Amino acid sequence: MKDLIFFVDKLNWVVVVLLCVTLGLAPFSPPHIVEKLSMLIKGNLVRPIDWFDLVLHGFPWILLLLKIIALLIKKE
């Protein structure tokens, strides 16, 4: 786990935010991640392509969350 936090900490903030804005929100009307999360909550996320889409569009947001956690751990 420490290696993952170390790796994420080395990533540039601009790159992570840019990934969230582009891949994390694409297509922009409405954001694909919002649709997939809605499908997940409703239990309609059943096809493999839907799961792949959720992982693909959710990855930048998970990376951003890990980057914030790394920052908080580093401050302690």
Protein backbone atom coordinates (compact mmCIF):
# COMPACT_ATOMS: atom_id res chain seq x y z
CA MET A 1 0.00 0.00 0.00
CA LYS A 2 2.89 2.34 0.77
CA ASP A 3 4.28 1.81 -2.72
CA LEU A 4 0.94 2.79 -4.26
CA ILE A 5 0.74 5.96 -2.17
CA PHE A 6 4.36 6.77 -3.09
CA PHE A 7 3.61 6.26 -6.80
CA VAL A 8 0.44 8.38 -6.70
CA ASP A 9 2.24 11.10 -4.77
CA LYS A 10 4.77 11.40 -7.60
CA LEU A 11 2.04 12.07 -10.20
CA ASN A 12 1.61 15.64 -11.35
CA TRP A 13 -1.58 17.38 -10.11
CA VAL A 14 -2.20 18.91 -13.54
CA VAL A 15 -2.18 15.49 -15.20
CA VAL A 16 -4.57 13.99 -12.65
CA VAL A 17 -7.01 16.92 -12.86
CA LEU A 18 -6.80 16.91 -16.65
CA LEU A 19 -7.64 13.21 -16.68
CA CYS A 20 -10.67 13.87 -14.47
CA VAL A 21 -11.92 16.71 -16.66
CA THR A 22 -11.45 14.86 -19.94
CA LEU A 23 -11.78 11.10 -19.50
CA GLY A 24 -13.60 11.32 -16.19
CA LEU A 25 -16.41 13.49 -17.57
CA ALA A 26 -16.50 12.51 -21.27
CA PRO A 27 -18.96 12.66 -22.99
CA PHE A 28 -19.90 15.94 -21.39
CA SER A 29 -23.66 16.02 -21.83
CA PRO A 30 -24.50 14.31 -19.45
CA PRO A 31 -21.22 13.03 -17.98
CA HIS A 32 -20.87 9.31 -18.66
CA ILE A 33 -19.73 8.57 -15.12
CA VAL A 34 -22.97 10.02 -13.75
CA GLU A 35 -24.98 7.72 -16.02
CA LYS A 36 -22.94 4.66 -15.00
CA LEU A 37 -23.19 5.46 -11.28
CA SER A 38 -26.94 5.92 -11.69
CA MET A 39 -27.14 2.53 -13.42
CA LEU A 40 -25.09 0.98 -10.59
CA ILE A 41 -27.40 2.40 -7.92
CA LYS A 42 -30.51 1.21 -9.79
CA GLY A 43 -29.00 -2.25 -10.36
CA ASN A 44 -29.01 -1.88 -14.16
CA LEU A 45 -25.27 -2.27 -14.60
CA VAL A 46 -25.32 -5.81 -15.95
CA ARG A 47 -23.47 -5.87 -19.27
CA PRO A 48 -19.67 -6.23 -19.28
CA ILE A 49 -19.31 -3.11 -21.45
CA ASP A 50 -21.15 -1.10 -18.78
CA TRP A 51 -18.75 -2.32 -16.08
CA PHE A 52 -15.80 -1.51 -18.34
CA ASP A 53 -17.20 2.00 -18.89
CA LEU A 54 -17.62 2.50 -15.15
CA VAL A 55 -14.02 1.48 -14.49
CA LEU A 56 -12.67 3.50 -17.43
CA HIS A 57 -14.47 6.73 -16.55
CA GLY A 58 -14.11 6.20 -12.80
CA PHE A 59 -10.36 5.56 -12.79
CA PRO A 60 -9.33 9.25 -12.98
CA TRP A 61 -11.57 10.07 -10.01
CA ILE A 62 -10.11 7.21 -7.97
CA LEU A 63 -6.65 8.45 -8.89
CA LEU A 64 -7.60 11.96 -7.71
CA LEU A 65 -8.92 10.56 -4.44
CA LEU A 66 -5.69 8.59 -3.91
CA LYS A 67 -3.67 11.73 -4.69
CA ILE A 68 -5.59 13.65 -2.01
CA ILE A 69 -5.09 10.82 0.49
CA ALA A 70 -1.35 10.79 -0.31
CA LEU A 71 -1.21 14.53 0.32
CA LEU A 72 -2.98 14.15 3.67
CA ILE A 73 -0.70 11.28 4.74
CA LYS A 74 2.37 13.29 3.74
CA LYS A 75 1.28 16.25 5.90
CA GLU A 76 1.12 14.12 9.04
